[in-house]
N, C-alpha and C. Protein backbone atom coordinates (compact mmCIF):
# COMPACT_ATOMS: atom_id res chain seq x y z
N MET A 1 7.98 117.51 -53.65
CA MET A 1 7.97 118.05 -54.91
C MET A 1 8.99 119.02 -55.06
N ASN A 2 9.68 119.00 -56.24
CA ASN A 2 10.91 119.78 -56.47
C ASN A 2 10.67 120.95 -57.24
N LEU A 3 9.25 121.39 -57.38
CA LEU A 3 9.08 122.59 -58.10
C LEU A 3 9.85 123.85 -58.01
N LYS A 4 9.99 124.24 -56.80
CA LYS A 4 10.64 125.44 -56.71
C LYS A 4 12.17 125.40 -57.04
N GLU A 5 12.62 124.29 -56.58
CA GLU A 5 14.16 124.04 -56.93
C GLU A 5 14.50 124.11 -58.46
N ILE A 6 13.58 123.27 -59.24
CA ILE A 6 13.62 123.19 -60.62
C ILE A 6 13.49 124.50 -61.40
N ARG A 7 12.45 125.20 -60.79
CA ARG A 7 12.07 126.55 -61.36
C ARG A 7 13.26 127.63 -61.19
N LEU A 8 13.76 127.56 -60.06
CA LEU A 8 15.00 128.43 -59.85
C LEU A 8 16.24 128.05 -60.65
N GLU A 9 16.53 126.68 -60.81
CA GLU A 9 17.52 126.25 -61.59
C GLU A 9 17.43 126.80 -62.96
N ARG A 10 16.19 126.77 -63.42
CA ARG A 10 15.81 127.13 -64.85
C ARG A 10 15.94 128.71 -64.99
N GLY A 11 16.05 129.41 -64.00
CA GLY A 11 16.03 130.86 -63.90
C GLY A 11 14.65 131.50 -64.15
N LEU A 12 13.62 130.71 -63.76
CA LEU A 12 12.24 131.18 -64.17
C LEU A 12 11.69 131.78 -62.84
N SER A 13 10.86 132.87 -63.13
CA SER A 13 10.09 133.45 -62.10
C SER A 13 8.75 132.82 -62.01
N VAL A 14 7.86 132.90 -61.05
CA VAL A 14 6.64 132.37 -60.98
C VAL A 14 5.76 132.90 -62.10
N PRO A 15 5.81 134.11 -62.54
CA PRO A 15 4.95 134.79 -63.74
C PRO A 15 5.45 133.99 -64.97
N GLN A 16 6.71 133.72 -64.99
CA GLN A 16 7.18 133.17 -66.31
C GLN A 16 6.64 131.76 -66.40
N LEU A 17 6.68 130.96 -65.23
CA LEU A 17 6.16 129.67 -65.41
C LEU A 17 4.79 129.65 -65.55
N VAL A 18 3.92 130.63 -65.16
CA VAL A 18 2.54 130.82 -65.34
C VAL A 18 2.35 130.74 -66.91
N GLU A 19 3.20 131.58 -67.60
CA GLU A 19 3.08 131.69 -69.02
C GLU A 19 3.35 130.44 -69.77
N LEU A 20 4.40 129.74 -69.43
CA LEU A 20 4.82 128.41 -69.94
C LEU A 20 4.02 127.41 -69.72
N SER A 21 3.30 127.30 -68.60
CA SER A 21 2.58 126.10 -68.18
C SER A 21 1.07 126.29 -68.34
N GLY A 22 0.53 127.54 -68.23
CA GLY A 22 -0.92 127.80 -68.25
C GLY A 22 -1.52 127.48 -67.00
N VAL A 23 -0.66 127.28 -65.86
CA VAL A 23 -1.16 127.02 -64.54
C VAL A 23 -1.28 128.42 -63.76
N PRO A 24 -2.29 128.70 -63.25
CA PRO A 24 -2.71 129.99 -62.43
C PRO A 24 -1.37 130.14 -61.35
N ARG A 25 -1.14 131.37 -61.16
CA ARG A 25 0.02 131.85 -60.30
C ARG A 25 -0.44 131.30 -58.93
N ARG A 26 -1.52 131.44 -58.41
CA ARG A 26 -1.88 131.10 -57.11
C ARG A 26 -1.73 129.59 -56.88
N THR A 27 -1.85 128.67 -58.00
CA THR A 27 -1.79 127.37 -57.92
C THR A 27 -0.29 127.12 -57.71
N ILE A 28 0.54 127.64 -58.55
CA ILE A 28 1.91 127.51 -58.49
C ILE A 28 2.58 127.79 -57.09
N GLN A 29 2.01 128.95 -56.52
CA GLN A 29 2.39 129.37 -55.10
C GLN A 29 2.14 128.35 -54.15
N GLU A 30 0.84 127.79 -54.24
CA GLU A 30 0.37 126.71 -53.37
C GLU A 30 1.06 125.34 -53.41
N VAL A 31 1.50 125.06 -54.69
CA VAL A 31 2.27 123.76 -54.90
C VAL A 31 3.61 124.10 -54.13
N GLU A 32 4.29 125.14 -54.49
CA GLU A 32 5.59 125.33 -53.75
C GLU A 32 5.39 125.40 -52.29
N LYS A 33 4.35 125.85 -51.70
CA LYS A 33 4.22 126.01 -50.29
C LYS A 33 3.79 124.62 -49.61
N ARG A 34 2.73 124.00 -50.20
CA ARG A 34 2.29 122.75 -49.61
C ARG A 34 2.98 121.55 -50.10
N ASP A 35 3.59 121.66 -51.35
CA ASP A 35 4.49 120.51 -51.93
C ASP A 35 3.52 119.40 -52.31
N THR A 36 2.44 119.72 -52.82
CA THR A 36 1.44 118.68 -53.42
C THR A 36 0.61 119.41 -54.52
N CYS A 37 0.02 118.69 -55.36
CA CYS A 37 -0.85 119.16 -56.34
C CYS A 37 -1.57 117.87 -57.10
N SER A 38 -2.47 118.26 -58.04
CA SER A 38 -3.18 117.12 -58.78
C SER A 38 -2.13 116.70 -59.90
N VAL A 39 -2.44 115.39 -60.32
CA VAL A 39 -1.57 114.87 -61.28
C VAL A 39 -1.55 115.80 -62.59
N ASN A 40 -2.77 116.26 -62.96
CA ASN A 40 -3.01 117.14 -64.17
C ASN A 40 -2.12 118.42 -63.98
N THR A 41 -2.04 118.97 -62.91
CA THR A 41 -1.28 120.10 -62.68
C THR A 41 0.31 119.86 -62.77
N ALA A 42 0.73 118.71 -62.22
CA ALA A 42 1.90 118.24 -62.19
C ALA A 42 2.46 117.97 -63.57
N ILE A 43 1.57 117.38 -64.50
CA ILE A 43 1.97 117.14 -65.76
C ILE A 43 2.21 118.56 -66.56
N LYS A 44 1.34 119.40 -66.38
CA LYS A 44 1.58 120.76 -67.01
C LYS A 44 2.90 121.37 -66.53
N LEU A 45 3.08 121.37 -65.34
CA LEU A 45 4.25 121.96 -64.79
C LEU A 45 5.62 121.14 -65.35
N ALA A 46 5.53 119.81 -65.23
CA ALA A 46 6.72 119.04 -65.71
C ALA A 46 7.10 119.37 -67.11
N ASP A 47 5.95 119.34 -67.90
CA ASP A 47 6.04 119.64 -69.48
C ASP A 47 6.59 121.15 -69.65
N ALA A 48 6.31 121.99 -68.90
CA ALA A 48 6.77 123.46 -69.01
C ALA A 48 8.18 123.44 -68.62
N LEU A 49 8.66 122.72 -67.71
CA LEU A 49 9.92 122.77 -67.11
C LEU A 49 10.83 121.85 -67.89
N GLY A 50 10.24 121.02 -68.79
CA GLY A 50 11.16 119.98 -69.49
C GLY A 50 11.71 119.08 -68.65
N VAL A 51 10.89 118.61 -67.67
CA VAL A 51 11.35 117.56 -66.84
C VAL A 51 10.30 116.38 -66.65
N THR A 52 10.68 115.21 -66.24
CA THR A 52 9.75 114.05 -66.11
C THR A 52 8.89 114.33 -64.80
N LEU A 53 7.72 113.70 -64.58
CA LEU A 53 7.00 113.63 -63.47
C LEU A 53 7.87 113.14 -62.30
N ASP A 54 8.65 112.21 -62.55
CA ASP A 54 9.42 111.65 -61.51
C ASP A 54 10.43 112.65 -61.06
N GLU A 55 11.05 113.33 -61.98
CA GLU A 55 11.95 114.49 -61.63
C GLU A 55 11.38 115.57 -60.72
N LEU A 56 10.06 115.80 -61.12
CA LEU A 56 9.36 116.88 -60.45
C LEU A 56 8.84 116.41 -59.10
N CYS A 57 8.39 115.17 -58.99
CA CYS A 57 7.65 114.79 -57.93
C CYS A 57 8.39 113.99 -56.81
N ARG A 58 9.46 113.23 -57.21
CA ARG A 58 10.02 112.19 -56.35
C ARG A 58 10.94 112.99 -55.36
N ASP A 59 10.75 112.44 -54.11
CA ASP A 59 11.70 113.01 -53.06
C ASP A 59 13.17 112.42 -53.17
N THR A 60 13.96 113.14 -53.81
CA THR A 60 15.32 112.73 -53.98
C THR A 60 16.17 112.31 -52.78
N THR A 61 15.82 112.96 -51.58
CA THR A 61 16.57 112.71 -50.33
C THR A 61 16.37 111.45 -49.98
N ALA A 62 15.20 110.93 -50.06
CA ALA A 62 14.71 109.45 -49.68
C ALA A 62 15.55 108.39 -50.34
N ILE A 63 15.80 108.85 -51.69
CA ILE A 63 16.53 107.89 -52.55
C ILE A 63 17.92 107.88 -52.11
N GLN A 64 18.50 108.99 -51.81
CA GLN A 64 20.01 109.07 -51.61
C GLN A 64 20.28 108.51 -50.22
N GLU A 65 19.33 108.35 -49.38
CA GLU A 65 19.66 107.92 -48.05
C GLU A 65 19.63 106.25 -48.09
N LYS A 66 19.18 105.69 -49.13
CA LYS A 66 19.17 104.28 -49.17
C LYS A 66 20.50 103.65 -49.49
C-alpha cells in the first residue's frame, strides 16, 4: 500500500487526511504501519487523496521488476 508515500507527496499530515477522509487517525496510522486495510477504508482514503484504488494499493515495485 502506498498510503504514506502518496500522503507525503500531497503535503498532507495525518490529521489533515483524517479531515479529508473521515477515517480515524489510529486507522490511518495502522494502515501506514501494517500496509493493509479493508476495502471500505481504502476507498475512503483513495477518494480523499484523489487517486485510484490501484494507485493506492498496488505494489509498484513488483510491476517495475517484470
